[in-house]
Protein backbone atom coordinates (compact mmCIF):
# COMPACT_ATOMS: atom_id res chain seq x y z
CA MET A 1 -3.46 -24.11 -28.04
CA SER A 2 -1.72 -21.15 -29.62
CA ARG A 3 0.19 -18.44 -27.78
CA PRO A 4 -2.07 -15.58 -26.76
CA VAL A 5 -1.55 -12.35 -28.59
CA PHE A 6 -0.69 -9.50 -26.28
CA THR A 7 -1.93 -6.03 -27.07
CA ALA A 8 0.38 -3.03 -27.20
CA TYR A 9 -1.79 -0.45 -25.49
CA THR A 10 -1.66 3.31 -25.57
CA PRO A 11 -2.61 5.45 -22.58
CA ASP A 12 -6.00 5.94 -24.28
CA THR A 13 -6.71 2.24 -24.96
CA ALA A 14 -5.16 0.61 -21.90
CA PRO A 15 -7.13 -0.79 -18.99
CA ALA A 16 -8.16 2.16 -16.82
CA ALA A 17 -5.91 1.13 -13.93
CA ALA A 18 -2.81 1.29 -16.19
CA ARG A 19 -3.52 4.66 -17.81
CA PRO A 20 -2.04 6.99 -15.13
CA THR A 21 1.13 4.90 -14.96
CA MET A 22 1.50 4.86 -18.73
CA THR A 23 0.93 8.61 -18.95
CA ASN A 24 3.64 9.21 -16.34
CA ILE A 25 6.09 6.94 -18.15
CA HIS A 26 5.36 8.63 -21.48
CA ARG A 27 5.96 12.00 -19.86
CA LYS A 28 9.22 10.83 -18.25
CA PHE A 29 10.72 9.21 -21.36
CA GLY A 30 9.11 11.29 -24.10
CA HIS A 31 7.69 8.11 -25.61
CA LEU A 32 5.94 4.99 -24.40
CA PRO A 33 8.32 2.02 -24.37
CA GLY A 34 6.92 -1.03 -26.15
CA ALA A 35 7.43 -3.20 -23.06
CA VAL A 36 5.27 -0.85 -21.00
CA ALA A 37 2.56 -0.87 -23.67
CA LEU A 38 2.50 -4.68 -23.45
CA MET A 39 2.76 -4.94 -19.65
CA ALA A 40 -0.29 -2.67 -19.39
CA GLU A 41 -2.40 -5.75 -20.16
CA SER A 42 -1.96 -6.40 -16.44
CA PRO A 43 -1.98 -3.08 -14.62
CA GLU A 44 -0.90 -4.93 -11.47
CA LEU A 45 2.17 -6.40 -13.19
CA LEU A 46 3.13 -3.00 -14.56
CA LYS A 47 2.67 -1.29 -11.21
CA GLY A 48 4.36 -4.16 -9.37
CA PHE A 49 7.45 -4.04 -11.57
CA LEU A 50 7.72 -0.25 -11.40
CA THR A 51 7.27 -0.26 -7.63
CA ALA A 52 9.83 -3.02 -7.12
CA ASN A 53 12.21 -1.19 -9.46
CA ALA A 54 11.86 2.06 -7.51
CA VAL A 55 12.61 0.19 -4.28
CA PHE A 56 15.61 -1.55 -5.88
CA GLU A 57 16.90 1.84 -7.07
CA SER A 58 16.83 3.02 -3.43
CA THR A 59 18.96 0.17 -2.08
CA ASP A 60 22.46 0.61 -0.70
CA LEU A 61 23.90 -0.67 -3.99
CA ASP A 62 25.36 2.18 -6.04
CA PRO A 63 24.09 2.75 -9.61
CA LEU A 64 26.92 0.77 -11.23
CA ALA A 65 26.42 -2.17 -8.86
CA ARG A 66 22.68 -2.17 -9.56
CA GLU A 67 23.39 -2.30 -13.30
CA VAL A 68 25.73 -5.26 -12.77
CA VAL A 69 22.87 -7.11 -11.07
CA VAL A 70 20.36 -6.12 -13.74
CA LEU A 71 22.55 -7.07 -16.70
CA THR A 72 23.49 -10.35 -15.05
CA VAL A 73 19.81 -11.24 -14.66
CA ALA A 74 18.97 -9.97 -18.16
CA THR A 75 21.67 -12.00 -19.90
CA ARG A 76 20.93 -15.13 -17.87
CA ASN A 77 17.23 -14.80 -18.70
CA GLU A 78 18.04 -13.88 -22.32
CA CYS A 79 16.00 -10.69 -22.41
CA HIS A 80 17.25 -8.82 -25.48
CA LEU A 81 15.30 -5.72 -24.49
CA CYS A 82 16.64 -5.47 -20.92
CA VAL A 83 20.20 -6.04 -22.10
CA ALA A 84 19.89 -3.26 -24.68
CA MET A 85 18.16 -0.88 -22.28
CA HIS A 86 20.68 -1.36 -19.49
CA THR A 87 23.62 -1.23 -21.90
CA ALA A 88 22.32 2.22 -22.85
CA THR A 89 22.09 3.13 -19.16
CA LEU A 90 25.67 2.06 -18.49
CA THR A 91 26.85 3.93 -21.57
CA ARG A 92 25.11 7.12 -20.37
CA GLN A 93 26.74 6.62 -16.96
CA GLY A 94 30.16 6.51 -18.64
CA ALA A 95 30.93 2.89 -17.71
CA ALA A 96 34.05 1.40 -19.25
CA PRO A 97 33.38 -0.38 -22.55
CA ALA A 98 35.28 -3.46 -21.29
CA LEU A 99 32.90 -3.71 -18.33
CA ILE A 100 29.84 -3.37 -20.56
CA GLU A 101 31.09 -5.99 -23.03
CA ALA A 102 31.91 -8.45 -20.25
CA LEU A 103 28.45 -8.02 -18.74
CA ARG A 104 26.78 -8.52 -22.13
CA ALA A 105 28.85 -11.68 -22.66
CA GLY A 106 28.30 -13.04 -19.15
CA ALA A 107 32.08 -13.05 -18.74
CA ALA A 108 34.34 -12.16 -15.82
CA LEU A 109 34.42 -8.45 -15.06
CA PRO A 110 37.70 -6.52 -14.97
CA ASP A 111 36.96 -5.08 -11.51
CA PRO A 112 37.34 -7.77 -8.78
CA ARG A 113 34.66 -6.28 -6.49
CA LEU A 114 32.11 -6.02 -9.30
CA GLU A 115 33.06 -9.51 -10.45
CA ALA A 116 32.28 -10.80 -6.95
CA LEU A 117 28.88 -9.10 -7.24
CA ARG A 118 28.24 -10.64 -10.68
CA ARG A 119 29.25 -14.10 -9.47
CA PHE A 120 27.06 -13.78 -6.37
CA THR A 121 24.10 -12.73 -8.55
CA VAL A 122 24.69 -15.81 -10.72
CA ALA A 123 24.80 -17.96 -7.58
CA VAL A 124 21.49 -16.50 -6.37
CA LEU A 125 19.94 -17.36 -9.74
CA GLU A 126 21.49 -20.81 -10.07
CA HIS A 127 20.69 -21.89 -6.53
CA ARG A 128 17.32 -20.12 -6.28
CA GLY A 129 18.54 -18.23 -3.23
CA ALA A 130 20.18 -21.19 -1.45
CA VAL A 131 23.63 -19.75 -2.17
CA PRO A 132 26.46 -22.06 -1.02
CA ASP A 133 28.54 -20.75 1.88
CA ASP A 134 31.67 -20.47 -0.28
CA ASP A 135 29.88 -18.16 -2.72
CA LEU A 136 28.50 -15.97 0.08
CA ASP A 137 31.92 -15.89 1.77
CA ALA A 138 33.59 -14.78 -1.49
CA PHE A 139 30.98 -12.03 -1.92
CA LEU A 140 31.52 -10.74 1.61
CA ALA A 141 35.32 -11.02 1.31
CA ALA A 142 35.14 -8.67 -1.69
CA GLY A 143 33.84 -5.94 0.62
CA TRP A 144 30.10 -6.38 0.25
CA GLN A 145 27.87 -6.48 3.32
CA PRO A 146 25.07 -8.95 4.24
CA ARG A 147 22.46 -6.29 3.39
CA HIS A 148 23.92 -6.15 -0.15
CA ALA A 149 23.21 -9.87 -0.51
CA LEU A 150 19.56 -9.14 0.20
CA ASP A 151 19.62 -6.14 -2.15
CA VAL A 152 20.81 -8.53 -4.87
CA VAL A 153 17.82 -10.78 -4.12
CA LEU A 154 15.55 -7.76 -4.56
CA GLY A 155 17.22 -6.95 -7.90
CA VAL A 156 16.90 -10.55 -9.06
CA GLY A 157 13.20 -10.58 -8.19
CA THR A 158 12.54 -7.21 -9.80
CA TYR A 159 14.27 -8.05 -13.03
CA THR A 160 12.87 -11.55 -13.17
CA ILE A 161 9.46 -9.86 -13.43
CA SER A 162 10.68 -7.63 -16.25
CA THR A 163 12.66 -10.20 -18.21
CA PHE A 164 9.94 -12.84 -18.00
CA ALA A 165 7.19 -10.39 -18.99
CA ASN A 166 9.23 -9.06 -21.90
CA ARG A 167 9.97 -12.55 -23.19
CA LEU A 168 6.38 -13.73 -22.72
CA THR A 169 4.91 -10.76 -24.59
CA GLY A 170 7.62 -10.58 -27.25
CA ALA A 171 8.40 -6.98 -26.28
CA PRO A 172 10.10 -5.17 -29.16
CA LEU A 173 13.35 -3.28 -29.09
CA ASP A 174 12.44 0.41 -29.13
CA PRO A 175 14.17 2.39 -31.92
CA PRO A 176 16.28 4.50 -29.50
CA LEU A 177 17.87 1.25 -28.28
CA ALA A 178 18.75 -0.18 -31.71
CA ALA A 179 22.44 0.71 -31.30
CA TYR A 180 22.53 -1.51 -28.19
CA ALA A 181 20.82 -4.57 -29.69
CA TRP A 182 21.86 -7.91 -28.18
CA GLU A 183 21.19 -11.53 -28.90
CA PRO A 184 22.17 -14.45 -26.66
CA ALA A 185 25.20 -16.49 -27.71
CA ALA A 186 24.24 -19.61 -29.59
């Protein structure tokens, strides 16, 4: 059986339940991202990801910490689109180039507290939530709180939806993100 071909919808051609969401995204970004056009095949997936993302954005993790979680998930799941998109976000936020490059490479971060967050996120992914006590202790010793551990789980779940959907549908890199293109290390 061959891989199904996913349709890149427009707000006019999408399933009716996806149209309002797509129109709002187009309005917000000034264009319709290719990933959104493809996710619209399942209005529930699109709405679910966007809702989970909005909730993740409201967690106690600051914007930089959230991006550390997102880029850790994106590189581990090899989502070229998410890595490019969130590299652009960090660049707009004025993040240090060394931090961005380390995140893109899956390498140790120069800031010890953010490195503890990255390592904890990796542990959540590797152990499917059953994080060993030593990893949780190291995370908490770096100044994070138990609620942050759960916020990381929310971020992992949210961006697992996105990265998996983008890889399944073959979501393209939108032209505004070309400067941030990324490919996994061989």
